Amino acid sequence: MTEAFDLAKADRDWRFAWQDRPFRRRLLLALGGIVAVLAVLPFFFQAIEARGGRSITDPLLGVLGPADVSIPIFACIWGVVILGIRRAAKSPDFLYRFITSYVLLTLLRMATIWLTRFDPPPGLLPLVDPIANRFYGETFITRDLFFSGHTATLFLFAYNFRPGWERWGALLAGSAVGVLVLVQHVHYTIDVLAAPPLTYLCYFAAKKTFFN
């Protein structure tokens, strides 16, 4: 009974939202923005891989790993993504909020990655996601470091979820992934620590600019 009610409510919400011309226009622009950003990413990541960088000293990485923890990392990531898809199916507002803030997040990451020019941490173990790597190109990317995109994306879901178990689940998953990418030596500690506040900055900017 509850599931049938939820499906009916989601259908009504989406029909009403799609009939709202200003919202429909904003959503289509947001979708166009994310398609454009994702189309540029393979070329951007190939460019940063081709140039040199600098290593930084990270005492914590000397204590952790390296160990291959790819499976728990992607279990956390895709678990939260599934929650996000579920929420987007029910709420057009959630989909719009997430897309706009994700576009800003990706643009900020591109800027910080380009400016910081870090070399990969010593002992890095390849972290390959067969789905996400479609946007990175065929080459394994090691210099998309500051700040951690895996951690940032999960925190972005958390900021966009309503208060409740979905938000707490995304926060816990984001925190776990932040630790695990250090264990795998695919990021420096500063990459992970910077991700939550910089992600919130993107969420806040999108909220003030696009959500009204």
N, C-alpha and C. Protein backbone atom coordinates (compact mmCIF):
# COMPACT_ATOMS: atom_id res chain seq x y z
N MET A 1 0.84 -1.20 0.00
CA MET A 1 0.00 0.00 0.00
C MET A 1 0.87 1.25 0.00
N THR A 2 1.89 1.25 0.85
CA THR A 2 2.80 2.39 0.93
C THR A 2 3.56 2.57 -0.38
N GLU A 3 4.04 1.46 -0.95
CA GLU A 3 4.79 1.55 -2.21
C GLU A 3 3.91 2.09 -3.33
N ALA A 4 2.66 1.62 -3.39
CA ALA A 4 1.75 2.11 -4.42
C ALA A 4 1.47 3.60 -4.24
N PHE A 5 1.33 4.03 -2.98
CA PHE A 5 1.11 5.45 -2.71
C PHE A 5 2.31 6.28 -3.12
N ASP A 6 3.52 5.78 -2.79
CA ASP A 6 4.75 6.50 -3.16
C ASP A 6 4.87 6.64 -4.67
N LEU A 7 4.56 5.57 -5.41
CA LEU A 7 4.66 5.62 -6.86
C LEU A 7 3.65 6.61 -7.45
N ALA A 8 2.45 6.60 -6.90
CA ALA A 8 1.43 7.54 -7.39
C ALA A 8 1.83 8.98 -7.10
N LYS A 9 2.38 9.21 -5.90
CA LYS A 9 2.81 10.56 -5.54
C LYS A 9 3.96 11.02 -6.43
N ALA A 10 4.91 10.11 -6.69
CA ALA A 10 6.04 10.46 -7.56
C ALA A 10 5.55 10.82 -8.96
N ASP A 11 4.58 10.05 -9.46
CA ASP A 11 4.03 10.33 -10.78
C ASP A 11 3.36 11.71 -10.81
N ARG A 12 2.61 12.04 -9.76
CA ARG A 12 1.97 13.35 -9.69
C ARG A 12 3.01 14.46 -9.61
N ASP A 13 4.02 14.25 -8.75
CA ASP A 13 5.05 15.28 -8.58
C ASP A 13 5.76 15.56 -9.90
N TRP A 14 6.11 14.50 -10.64
CA TRP A 14 6.82 14.69 -11.90
C TRP A 14 5.92 15.33 -12.95
N ARG A 15 4.64 14.93 -12.98
CA ARG A 15 3.73 15.53 -13.96
C ARG A 15 3.54 17.02 -13.69
N PHE A 16 3.36 17.36 -12.42
CA PHE A 16 3.18 18.78 -12.07
C PHE A 16 4.45 19.58 -12.36
N ALA A 17 5.61 19.00 -12.01
CA ALA A 17 6.87 19.70 -12.25
C ALA A 17 7.10 19.92 -13.74
N TRP A 18 6.81 18.90 -14.55
CA TRP A 18 7.05 19.01 -15.98
C TRP A 18 6.10 20.01 -16.64
N GLN A 19 4.94 20.19 -16.04
CA GLN A 19 3.99 21.18 -16.56
C GLN A 19 4.37 22.61 -16.18
N ASP A 20 5.29 22.74 -15.24
CA ASP A 20 5.78 24.06 -14.82
C ASP A 20 6.89 24.49 -15.79
N ARG A 21 6.56 25.39 -16.69
CA ARG A 21 7.50 25.74 -17.77
C ARG A 21 8.83 26.27 -17.26
N PRO A 22 8.86 27.20 -16.28
CA PRO A 22 10.17 27.66 -15.78
C PRO A 22 11.01 26.54 -15.19
N PHE A 23 10.37 25.63 -14.43
CA PHE A 23 11.14 24.51 -13.87
C PHE A 23 11.64 23.60 -14.99
N ARG A 24 10.79 23.32 -15.96
CA ARG A 24 11.20 22.45 -17.06
C ARG A 24 12.39 23.04 -17.79
N ARG A 25 12.37 24.34 -18.01
CA ARG A 25 13.48 25.00 -18.70
C ARG A 25 14.76 24.91 -17.87
N ARG A 26 14.65 25.15 -16.56
CA ARG A 26 15.83 25.07 -15.69
C ARG A 26 16.40 23.65 -15.66
N LEU A 27 15.51 22.66 -15.59
CA LEU A 27 15.98 21.28 -15.54
C LEU A 27 16.68 20.89 -16.84
N LEU A 28 16.12 21.29 -17.96
CA LEU A 28 16.75 20.96 -19.25
C LEU A 28 18.10 21.65 -19.39
N LEU A 29 18.21 22.89 -18.91
CA LEU A 29 19.50 23.58 -18.94
C LEU A 29 20.51 22.87 -18.05
N ALA A 30 20.06 22.42 -16.88
CA ALA A 30 20.96 21.70 -15.98
C ALA A 30 21.43 20.39 -16.61
N LEU A 31 20.51 19.67 -17.25
CA LEU A 31 20.88 18.43 -17.92
C LEU A 31 21.86 18.70 -19.06
N GLY A 32 21.63 19.78 -19.80
CA GLY A 32 22.58 20.15 -20.84
C GLY A 32 23.94 20.49 -20.28
N GLY A 33 23.96 21.15 -19.12
CA GLY A 33 25.22 21.49 -18.48
C GLY A 33 26.01 20.28 -18.06
N ILE A 34 25.32 19.30 -17.49
CA ILE A 34 26.06 18.12 -17.02
C ILE A 34 26.54 17.28 -18.20
N VAL A 35 25.77 17.23 -19.27
CA VAL A 35 26.22 16.50 -20.47
C VAL A 35 27.47 17.17 -21.04
N ALA A 36 27.48 18.49 -21.09
CA ALA A 36 28.64 19.22 -21.62
C ALA A 36 29.88 18.98 -20.76
N VAL A 37 29.71 19.03 -19.44
CA VAL A 37 30.84 18.82 -18.54
C VAL A 37 31.39 17.41 -18.68
N LEU A 38 30.50 16.41 -18.71
CA LEU A 38 30.95 15.03 -18.83
C LEU A 38 31.63 14.78 -20.18
N ALA A 39 31.20 15.49 -21.21
CA ALA A 39 31.83 15.33 -22.52
C ALA A 39 33.25 15.86 -22.54
N VAL A 40 33.53 16.87 -21.73
CA VAL A 40 34.86 17.49 -21.69
C VAL A 40 35.83 16.70 -20.81
N LEU A 41 35.30 15.98 -19.82
CA LEU A 41 36.17 15.33 -18.84
C LEU A 41 37.25 14.42 -19.43
N PRO A 42 36.96 13.55 -20.41
CA PRO A 42 38.03 12.69 -20.93
C PRO A 42 39.22 13.49 -21.45
N PHE A 43 38.97 14.58 -22.14
CA PHE A 43 40.05 15.40 -22.69
C PHE A 43 40.81 16.12 -21.56
N PHE A 44 40.08 16.57 -20.56
CA PHE A 44 40.71 17.24 -19.43
C PHE A 44 41.64 16.28 -18.68
N PHE A 45 41.16 15.08 -18.40
CA PHE A 45 41.98 14.14 -17.65
C PHE A 45 43.17 13.65 -18.45
N GLN A 46 43.03 13.51 -19.75
CA GLN A 46 44.17 13.16 -20.58
C GLN A 46 45.22 14.27 -20.55
N ALA A 47 44.77 15.53 -20.50
CA ALA A 47 45.70 16.66 -20.46
C ALA A 47 46.48 16.69 -19.15
N ILE A 48 45.81 16.45 -18.02
CA ILE A 48 46.54 16.51 -16.75
C ILE A 48 47.46 15.31 -16.57
N GLU A 49 47.12 14.18 -17.19
CA GLU A 49 48.01 13.02 -17.12
C GLU A 49 49.28 13.26 -17.91
N ALA A 50 49.20 14.04 -18.97
CA ALA A 50 50.35 14.24 -19.86
C ALA A 50 51.37 15.21 -19.29
N ARG A 51 51.00 16.00 -18.31
CA ARG A 51 51.93 16.99 -17.77
C ARG A 51 52.53 16.49 -16.45
N GLY A 52 53.62 17.10 -16.05
CA GLY A 52 54.27 16.73 -14.80
C GLY A 52 53.56 17.32 -13.60
N GLY A 53 54.05 16.91 -12.42
CA GLY A 53 53.48 17.42 -11.18
C GLY A 53 54.50 17.36 -10.07
N ARG A 54 54.02 17.54 -8.86
CA ARG A 54 54.93 17.47 -7.71
C ARG A 54 54.32 16.58 -6.63
N SER A 55 55.19 15.87 -5.95
CA SER A 55 54.76 15.02 -4.85
C SER A 55 54.76 15.84 -3.56
N ILE A 56 53.92 15.43 -2.62
CA ILE A 56 53.90 16.07 -1.31
C ILE A 56 54.11 15.01 -0.24
N THR A 57 54.65 15.44 0.88
CA THR A 57 54.90 14.52 1.98
C THR A 57 53.61 14.30 2.76
N ASP A 58 53.24 13.05 2.96
CA ASP A 58 52.01 12.72 3.68
C ASP A 58 52.33 11.61 4.68
N PRO A 59 52.58 11.97 5.94
CA PRO A 59 52.95 10.96 6.94
C PRO A 59 51.88 9.88 7.13
N LEU A 60 50.61 10.24 6.97
CA LEU A 60 49.55 9.26 7.20
C LEU A 60 49.60 8.11 6.20
N LEU A 61 49.97 8.41 4.96
CA LEU A 61 50.06 7.36 3.95
C LEU A 61 51.17 6.37 4.28
N GLY A 62 52.18 6.82 5.02
CA GLY A 62 53.23 5.90 5.44
C GLY A 62 52.74 4.88 6.44
N VAL A 63 51.65 5.19 7.10
CA VAL A 63 51.08 4.28 8.10
C VAL A 63 50.02 3.37 7.48
N LEU A 64 49.28 3.90 6.52
CA LEU A 64 48.17 3.16 5.92
C LEU A 64 48.61 2.43 4.66
N GLY A 65 48.24 1.16 4.57
CA GLY A 65 48.36 0.40 3.33
C GLY A 65 49.76 0.40 2.74
N PRO A 66 49.83 0.36 1.40
CA PRO A 66 48.67 0.32 0.51
C PRO A 66 48.02 -1.06 0.44
N ALA A 67 46.72 -1.08 0.22
CA ALA A 67 45.97 -2.32 0.06
C ALA A 67 44.84 -2.07 -0.92
N ASP A 68 44.49 -3.10 -1.65
CA ASP A 68 43.42 -2.99 -2.64
C ASP A 68 42.07 -3.13 -1.95
N VAL A 69 41.36 -2.02 -1.85
CA VAL A 69 40.03 -2.02 -1.23
C VAL A 69 38.99 -1.51 -2.23
N SER A 70 39.19 -1.84 -3.50
CA SER A 70 38.30 -1.36 -4.56
C SER A 70 36.86 -1.80 -4.33
N ILE A 71 36.67 -3.04 -3.91
CA ILE A 71 35.30 -3.56 -3.77
C ILE A 71 34.50 -2.79 -2.73
N PRO A 72 35.01 -2.60 -1.49
CA PRO A 72 34.22 -1.79 -0.55
C PRO A 72 34.06 -0.34 -0.98
N ILE A 73 35.04 0.22 -1.67
CA ILE A 73 34.91 1.60 -2.15
C ILE A 73 33.71 1.71 -3.09
N PHE A 74 33.66 0.83 -4.08
CA PHE A 74 32.58 0.95 -5.06
C PHE A 74 31.26 0.44 -4.53
N ALA A 75 31.29 -0.43 -3.52
CA ALA A 75 30.04 -0.82 -2.86
C ALA A 75 29.41 0.40 -2.19
N CYS A 76 30.24 1.20 -1.52
CA CYS A 76 29.74 2.43 -0.89
C CYS A 76 29.23 3.42 -1.93
N ILE A 77 30.03 3.62 -2.98
CA ILE A 77 29.67 4.62 -3.99
C ILE A 77 28.38 4.26 -4.70
N TRP A 78 28.29 3.05 -5.23
CA TRP A 78 27.12 2.70 -6.02
C TRP A 78 25.91 2.44 -5.15
N GLY A 79 26.12 2.10 -3.88
CA GLY A 79 24.99 2.02 -2.96
C GLY A 79 24.32 3.37 -2.80
N VAL A 80 25.13 4.42 -2.62
CA VAL A 80 24.58 5.77 -2.48
C VAL A 80 24.00 6.26 -3.81
N VAL A 81 24.64 5.93 -4.91
CA VAL A 81 24.10 6.32 -6.22
C VAL A 81 22.71 5.72 -6.42
N ILE A 82 22.52 4.47 -6.02
CA ILE A 82 21.20 3.84 -6.14
C ILE A 82 20.18 4.58 -5.29
N LEU A 83 20.58 4.98 -4.08
CA LEU A 83 19.68 5.79 -3.25
C LEU A 83 19.33 7.10 -3.94
N GLY A 84 20.33 7.71 -4.59
CA GLY A 84 20.09 8.96 -5.30
C GLY A 84 19.13 8.79 -6.46
N ILE A 85 19.29 7.71 -7.22
CA ILE A 85 18.37 7.45 -8.33
C ILE A 85 16.96 7.23 -7.81
N ARG A 86 16.87 6.50 -6.71
CA ARG A 86 15.55 6.26 -6.08
C ARG A 86 14.91 7.57 -5.66
N ARG A 87 15.69 8.46 -5.06
CA ARG A 87 15.15 9.75 -4.63
C ARG A 87 14.79 10.62 -5.82
N ALA A 88 15.62 10.60 -6.87
CA ALA A 88 15.33 11.42 -8.06
C ALA A 88 14.05 10.96 -8.75
N ALA A 89 13.79 9.65 -8.73
CA ALA A 89 12.56 9.14 -9.34
C ALA A 89 11.33 9.67 -8.62
N LYS A 90 11.48 9.98 -7.34
CA LYS A 90 10.35 10.48 -6.55
C LYS A 90 10.28 12.00 -6.51
N SER A 91 11.42 12.65 -6.69
CA SER A 91 11.47 14.10 -6.46
C SER A 91 12.19 14.82 -7.59
N PRO A 92 11.48 15.52 -8.45
CA PRO A 92 12.15 16.31 -9.49
C PRO A 92 13.02 17.41 -8.91
N ASP A 93 12.62 17.96 -7.75
CA ASP A 93 13.43 19.00 -7.12
C ASP A 93 14.80 18.45 -6.70
N PHE A 94 14.82 17.22 -6.17
CA PHE A 94 16.09 16.62 -5.79
C PHE A 94 17.00 16.47 -7.01
N LEU A 95 16.43 15.98 -8.11
CA LEU A 95 17.24 15.79 -9.32
C LEU A 95 17.84 17.11 -9.77
N TYR A 96 17.03 18.16 -9.78
CA TYR A 96 17.53 19.47 -10.21
C TYR A 96 18.62 19.98 -9.26
N ARG A 97 18.38 19.86 -7.95
CA ARG A 97 19.37 20.33 -6.97
C ARG A 97 20.69 19.59 -7.13
N PHE A 98 20.61 18.27 -7.30
CA PHE A 98 21.85 17.50 -7.39
C PHE A 98 22.61 17.82 -8.66
N ILE A 99 21.92 17.90 -9.78
CA ILE A 99 22.60 18.15 -11.05
C ILE A 99 23.30 19.51 -11.04
N THR A 100 22.61 20.55 -10.59
CA THR A 100 23.23 21.88 -10.60
C THR A 100 24.43 21.94 -9.67
N SER A 101 24.32 21.35 -8.49
CA SER A 101 25.45 21.39 -7.56
C SER A 101 26.58 20.48 -8.05
N TYR A 102 26.25 19.39 -8.75
CA TYR A 102 27.30 18.51 -9.28
C TYR A 102 28.08 19.19 -10.40
N VAL A 103 27.39 19.96 -11.23
CA VAL A 103 28.10 20.71 -12.28
C VAL A 103 29.10 21.68 -11.66
N LEU A 104 28.68 22.42 -10.64
CA LEU A 104 29.60 23.34 -9.96
C LEU A 104 30.75 22.59 -9.31
N LEU A 105 30.43 21.45 -8.69
CA LEU A 105 31.47 20.65 -8.05
C LEU A 105 32.51 20.18 -9.06
N THR A 106 32.06 19.71 -10.20
CA THR A 106 32.98 19.23 -11.22
C THR A 106 33.85 20.35 -11.77
N LEU A 107 33.26 21.51 -12.00
CA LEU A 107 34.03 22.66 -12.49
C LEU A 107 35.07 23.10 -11.46
N LEU A 108 34.69 23.09 -10.18
CA LEU A 108 35.66 23.45 -9.13
C LEU A 108 36.78 22.43 -9.06
N ARG A 109 36.46 21.15 -9.15
CA ARG A 109 37.50 20.12 -9.14
C ARG A 109 38.45 20.29 -10.32
N MET A 110 37.92 20.57 -11.48
CA MET A 110 38.78 20.77 -12.64
C MET A 110 39.74 21.93 -12.40
N ALA A 111 39.25 23.00 -11.79
CA ALA A 111 40.10 24.16 -11.51
C ALA A 111 41.18 23.82 -10.48
N THR A 112 40.80 23.16 -9.39
CA THR A 112 41.78 22.86 -8.34
C THR A 112 42.79 21.81 -8.79
N ILE A 113 42.33 20.83 -9.56
CA ILE A 113 43.26 19.83 -10.09
C ILE A 113 44.29 20.50 -11.01
N TRP A 114 43.81 21.40 -11.85
CA TRP A 114 44.71 22.08 -12.79
C TRP A 114 45.73 22.94 -12.06
N LEU A 115 45.31 23.60 -10.99
CA LEU A 115 46.19 24.53 -10.28
C LEU A 115 47.17 23.83 -9.35
N THR A 116 46.76 22.73 -8.72
CA THR A 116 47.64 22.10 -7.72
C THR A 116 48.72 21.23 -8.34
N ARG A 117 48.43 20.53 -9.42
CA ARG A 117 49.42 19.75 -10.16
C ARG A 117 50.17 18.77 -9.25
N PHE A 118 49.45 17.93 -8.55
CA PHE A 118 50.08 16.91 -7.70
C PHE A 118 50.41 15.67 -8.52
N ASP A 119 51.57 15.08 -8.22
CA ASP A 119 51.87 13.74 -8.69
C ASP A 119 51.15 12.73 -7.81
N PRO A 120 50.90 11.51 -8.32
CA PRO A 120 50.20 10.52 -7.50
C PRO A 120 51.03 10.11 -6.29
N PRO A 121 50.37 9.69 -5.21
CA PRO A 121 51.09 9.25 -4.02
C PRO A 121 51.92 8.00 -4.31
N PRO A 122 53.03 7.81 -3.61
CA PRO A 122 53.81 6.59 -3.77
C PRO A 122 53.01 5.38 -3.31
N GLY A 123 53.17 4.28 -4.03
CA GLY A 123 52.46 3.06 -3.65
C GLY A 123 51.03 3.00 -4.13
N LEU A 124 50.64 3.91 -5.02
CA LEU A 124 49.26 3.93 -5.51
C LEU A 124 48.89 2.60 -6.15
N LEU A 125 47.73 2.09 -5.78
CA LEU A 125 47.17 0.89 -6.42
C LEU A 125 46.02 1.32 -7.31
N PRO A 126 45.99 0.83 -8.55
CA PRO A 126 44.94 1.27 -9.49
C PRO A 126 43.54 1.03 -8.93
N LEU A 127 42.73 2.04 -9.07
CA LEU A 127 41.33 1.98 -8.65
C LEU A 127 40.50 2.18 -9.91
N VAL A 128 39.96 1.10 -10.43
CA VAL A 128 39.30 1.15 -11.73
C VAL A 128 37.82 0.83 -11.55
N ASP A 129 36.98 1.76 -11.95
CA ASP A 129 35.54 1.57 -11.94
C ASP A 129 35.08 1.48 -13.39
N PRO A 130 34.57 0.32 -13.84
CA PRO A 130 34.22 0.16 -15.26
C PRO A 130 33.14 1.11 -15.74
N ILE A 131 32.34 1.67 -14.82
CA ILE A 131 31.29 2.61 -15.22
C ILE A 131 31.85 4.02 -15.29
N ALA A 132 32.44 4.48 -14.18
CA ALA A 132 32.95 5.86 -14.13
C ALA A 132 34.06 6.09 -15.15
N ASN A 133 34.85 5.06 -15.43
CA ASN A 133 35.98 5.24 -16.33
C ASN A 133 35.56 5.49 -17.78
N ARG A 134 34.28 5.31 -18.07
CA ARG A 134 33.80 5.68 -19.41
C ARG A 134 33.95 7.18 -19.65
N PHE A 135 33.92 7.96 -18.56
CA PHE A 135 34.05 9.40 -18.68
C PHE A 135 35.51 9.85 -18.59
N TYR A 136 36.39 8.97 -18.14
CA TYR A 136 37.79 9.31 -17.98
C TYR A 136 38.61 8.95 -19.21
N GLY A 137 38.08 8.11 -20.07
CA GLY A 137 38.88 7.59 -21.16
C GLY A 137 39.50 6.26 -20.75
N GLU A 138 40.28 5.66 -21.65
CA GLU A 138 40.82 4.34 -21.40
C GLU A 138 42.03 4.36 -20.49
N THR A 139 42.72 5.47 -20.39
CA THR A 139 43.92 5.56 -19.57
C THR A 139 43.55 5.70 -18.10
N PHE A 140 44.23 4.93 -17.24
CA PHE A 140 43.98 5.05 -15.81
C PHE A 140 44.51 6.40 -15.33
N ILE A 141 43.64 7.17 -14.70
CA ILE A 141 43.98 8.54 -14.29
C ILE A 141 44.54 8.53 -12.88
N THR A 142 45.71 9.15 -12.71
CA THR A 142 46.35 9.17 -11.40
C THR A 142 46.54 10.58 -10.84
N ARG A 143 46.31 11.61 -11.66
CA ARG A 143 46.59 12.98 -11.22
C ARG A 143 45.33 13.82 -10.98
N ASP A 144 44.18 13.18 -10.88
CA ASP A 144 42.95 13.92 -10.54
C ASP A 144 42.82 13.91 -9.02
N LEU A 145 43.72 14.65 -8.36
CA LEU A 145 43.91 14.45 -6.93
C LEU A 145 43.18 15.45 -6.04
N PHE A 146 43.46 16.72 -6.20
CA PHE A 146 42.88 17.69 -5.26
C PHE A 146 41.66 18.36 -5.86
N PHE A 147 40.51 17.97 -5.39
CA PHE A 147 40.24 17.18 -4.17
C PHE A 147 39.54 15.89 -4.57
N SER A 148 39.36 14.97 -3.63
CA SER A 148 38.86 13.63 -3.92
C SER A 148 37.44 13.66 -4.48
N GLY A 149 37.30 13.23 -5.73
CA GLY A 149 35.98 13.20 -6.35
C GLY A 149 35.08 12.13 -5.79
N HIS A 150 35.66 10.98 -5.43
CA HIS A 150 34.84 9.91 -4.84
C HIS A 150 34.22 10.37 -3.53
N THR A 151 35.04 10.95 -2.67
CA THR A 151 34.54 11.44 -1.38
C THR A 151 33.55 12.58 -1.59
N ALA A 152 33.90 13.51 -2.46
CA ALA A 152 33.06 14.69 -2.68
C ALA A 152 31.68 14.32 -3.19
N THR A 153 31.60 13.37 -4.11
CA THR A 153 30.31 13.01 -4.69
C THR A 153 29.37 12.44 -3.64
N LEU A 154 29.89 11.61 -2.74
CA LEU A 154 29.03 11.04 -1.70
C LEU A 154 28.56 12.11 -0.73
N PHE A 155 29.44 13.04 -0.39
CA PHE A 155 29.01 14.13 0.48
C PHE A 155 28.00 15.04 -0.22
N LEU A 156 28.14 15.19 -1.53
CA LEU A 156 27.16 15.99 -2.26
C LEU A 156 25.77 15.35 -2.21
N PHE A 157 25.73 14.04 -2.34
CA PHE A 157 24.45 13.34 -2.16
C PHE A 157 23.90 13.62 -0.76
N ALA A 158 24.76 13.53 0.25
CA ALA A 158 24.31 13.74 1.63
C ALA A 158 23.73 15.14 1.81
N TYR A 159 24.40 16.15 1.27
CA TYR A 159 23.91 17.52 1.42
C TYR A 159 22.56 17.71 0.73
N ASN A 160 22.34 16.99 -0.36
CA ASN A 160 21.09 17.15 -1.10
C ASN A 160 19.95 16.28 -0.57
N PHE A 161 20.29 15.19 0.10
CA PHE A 161 19.24 14.37 0.72
C PHE A 161 18.57 15.14 1.85
N ARG A 162 17.31 14.83 2.09
CA ARG A 162 16.63 15.40 3.24
C ARG A 162 17.19 14.78 4.52
N PRO A 163 17.04 15.47 5.67
CA PRO A 163 17.47 14.87 6.94
C PRO A 163 16.78 13.53 7.15
N GLY A 164 17.56 12.54 7.55
CA GLY A 164 17.01 11.21 7.73
C GLY A 164 18.05 10.15 7.41
N TRP A 165 17.58 8.92 7.23
CA TRP A 165 18.51 7.80 7.08
C TRP A 165 19.31 7.88 5.78
N GLU A 166 18.73 8.44 4.71
CA GLU A 166 19.49 8.55 3.46
C GLU A 166 20.69 9.48 3.63
N ARG A 167 20.46 10.61 4.29
CA ARG A 167 21.57 11.55 4.52
C ARG A 167 22.64 10.92 5.39
N TRP A 168 22.23 10.28 6.48
CA TRP A 168 23.22 9.65 7.36
C TRP A 168 23.97 8.53 6.65
N GLY A 169 23.25 7.76 5.83
CA GLY A 169 23.91 6.70 5.08
C GLY A 169 24.96 7.24 4.13
N ALA A 170 24.63 8.34 3.43
CA ALA A 170 25.59 8.94 2.50
C ALA A 170 26.78 9.54 3.24
N LEU A 171 26.54 10.16 4.40
CA LEU A 171 27.64 10.71 5.19
C LEU A 171 28.58 9.61 5.67
N LEU A 172 28.01 8.50 6.14
CA LEU A 172 28.85 7.38 6.59
C LEU A 172 29.62 6.77 5.43
N ALA A 173 28.95 6.61 4.29
CA ALA A 173 29.62 6.05 3.11
C ALA A 173 30.73 6.98 2.63
N GLY A 174 30.47 8.29 2.63
CA GLY A 174 31.49 9.25 2.22
C GLY A 174 32.70 9.23 3.14
N SER A 175 32.45 9.12 4.44
CA SER A 175 33.55 9.05 5.41
C SER A 175 34.36 7.78 5.22
N ALA A 176 33.65 6.66 4.98
CA ALA A 176 34.34 5.38 4.77
C ALA A 176 35.19 5.43 3.51
N VAL A 177 34.64 5.97 2.43
CA VAL A 177 35.40 6.06 1.18
C VAL A 177 36.60 6.98 1.35
N GLY A 178 36.45 8.05 2.13
CA GLY A 178 37.58 8.94 2.38
C GLY A 178 38.75 8.21 3.01
N VAL A 179 38.46 7.30 3.94
CA VAL A 179 39.52 6.50 4.56
C VAL A 179 40.06 5.47 3.58
N LEU A 180 39.17 4.82 2.85
CA LEU A 180 39.58 3.72 1.98
C LEU A 180 40.45 4.19 0.81
N VAL A 181 40.18 5.38 0.26
CA VAL A 181 41.03 5.85 -0.84
C VAL A 181 42.44 6.18 -0.34
N LEU A 182 42.56 6.49 0.95
CA LEU A 182 43.89 6.67 1.53
C LEU A 182 44.58 5.32 1.70
N VAL A 183 43.83 4.32 2.13
CA VAL A 183 44.39 2.98 2.26
C VAL A 183 44.91 2.49 0.91
N GLN A 184 44.19 2.81 -0.15
CA GLN A 184 44.60 2.38 -1.50
C GLN A 184 45.66 3.31 -2.10
N HIS A 185 45.97 4.40 -1.40
CA HIS A 185 46.98 5.37 -1.85
C HIS A 185 46.62 6.02 -3.18
N VAL A 186 45.33 6.24 -3.42
CA VAL A 186 44.95 6.96 -4.64
C VAL A 186 44.76 8.45 -4.38
N HIS A 187 44.87 8.86 -3.11
CA HIS A 187 44.76 10.28 -2.75
C HIS A 187 45.68 10.59 -1.58
N TYR A 188 46.03 11.86 -1.47
CA TYR A 188 46.69 12.36 -0.27
C TYR A 188 45.62 12.71 0.77
N THR A 189 46.06 12.82 2.02
CA THR A 189 45.13 13.16 3.10
C THR A 189 44.45 14.49 2.85
N ILE A 190 45.19 15.48 2.35
CA ILE A 190 44.62 16.80 2.11
C ILE A 190 43.51 16.74 1.06
N ASP A 191 43.62 15.81 0.11
CA ASP A 191 42.57 15.66 -0.91
C ASP A 191 41.24 15.26 -0.27
N VAL A 192 41.34 14.37 0.71
CA VAL A 192 40.13 13.86 1.37
C VAL A 192 39.57 14.88 2.35
N LEU A 193 40.45 15.50 3.14
CA LEU A 193 39.98 16.47 4.14
C LEU A 193 39.33 17.68 3.50
N ALA A 194 39.81 18.06 2.32
CA ALA A 194 39.25 19.24 1.65
C ALA A 194 37.91 18.96 0.98
N ALA A 195 37.62 17.70 0.71
CA ALA A 195 36.43 17.37 -0.08
C ALA A 195 35.11 17.80 0.57
N PRO A 196 34.85 17.47 1.85
CA PRO A 196 33.54 17.86 2.42
C PRO A 196 33.28 19.36 2.44
N PRO A 197 34.22 20.21 2.92
CA PRO A 197 33.91 21.64 2.93
C PRO A 197 33.81 22.26 1.54
N LEU A 198 34.67 21.84 0.61
CA LEU A 198 34.60 22.39 -0.74
C LEU A 198 33.32 21.94 -1.45
N THR A 199 32.90 20.71 -1.16
CA THR A 199 31.64 20.23 -1.72
C THR A 199 30.47 21.03 -1.17
N TYR A 200 30.51 21.32 0.12
CA TYR A 200 29.42 22.12 0.70
C TYR A 200 29.40 23.52 0.09
N LEU A 201 30.57 24.06 -0.21
CA LEU A 201 30.64 25.36 -0.86
C LEU A 201 29.91 25.33 -2.20
N CYS A 202 30.10 24.26 -2.97
CA CYS A 202 29.41 24.14 -4.25
C CYS A 202 27.91 23.98 -4.05
N TYR A 203 27.53 23.17 -3.07
CA TYR A 203 26.11 23.00 -2.76
C TYR A 203 25.48 24.33 -2.35
N PHE A 204 26.18 25.07 -1.50
CA PHE A 204 25.66 26.35 -1.02
C PHE A 204 25.53 27.35 -2.16
N ALA A 205 26.56 27.39 -3.03
CA ALA A 205 26.52 28.32 -4.17
C ALA A 205 25.38 27.98 -5.12
N ALA A 206 25.19 26.68 -5.38
CA ALA A 206 24.09 26.28 -6.24
C ALA A 206 22.75 26.60 -5.60
N LYS A 207 22.66 26.39 -4.30
CA LYS A 207 21.41 26.66 -3.58
C LYS A 207 21.04 28.14 -3.67
N LYS A 208 22.02 29.01 -3.48
CA LYS A 208 21.74 30.44 -3.51
C LYS A 208 21.50 30.96 -4.93
N THR A 209 22.11 30.29 -5.91
CA THR A 209 22.04 30.79 -7.28
C THR A 209 20.90 30.18 -8.08
N PHE A 210 20.69 28.87 -7.93
CA PHE A 210 19.78 28.16 -8.83
C PHE A 210 18.52 27.60 -8.18
N PHE A 211 18.51 27.45 -6.85
CA PHE A 211 17.41 26.71 -6.24
C PHE A 211 16.15 27.54 -6.03
N ASN A 212 16.26 28.85 -6.12
CA ASN A 212 15.09 29.69 -5.83
C ASN A 212 14.11 29.72 -7.00
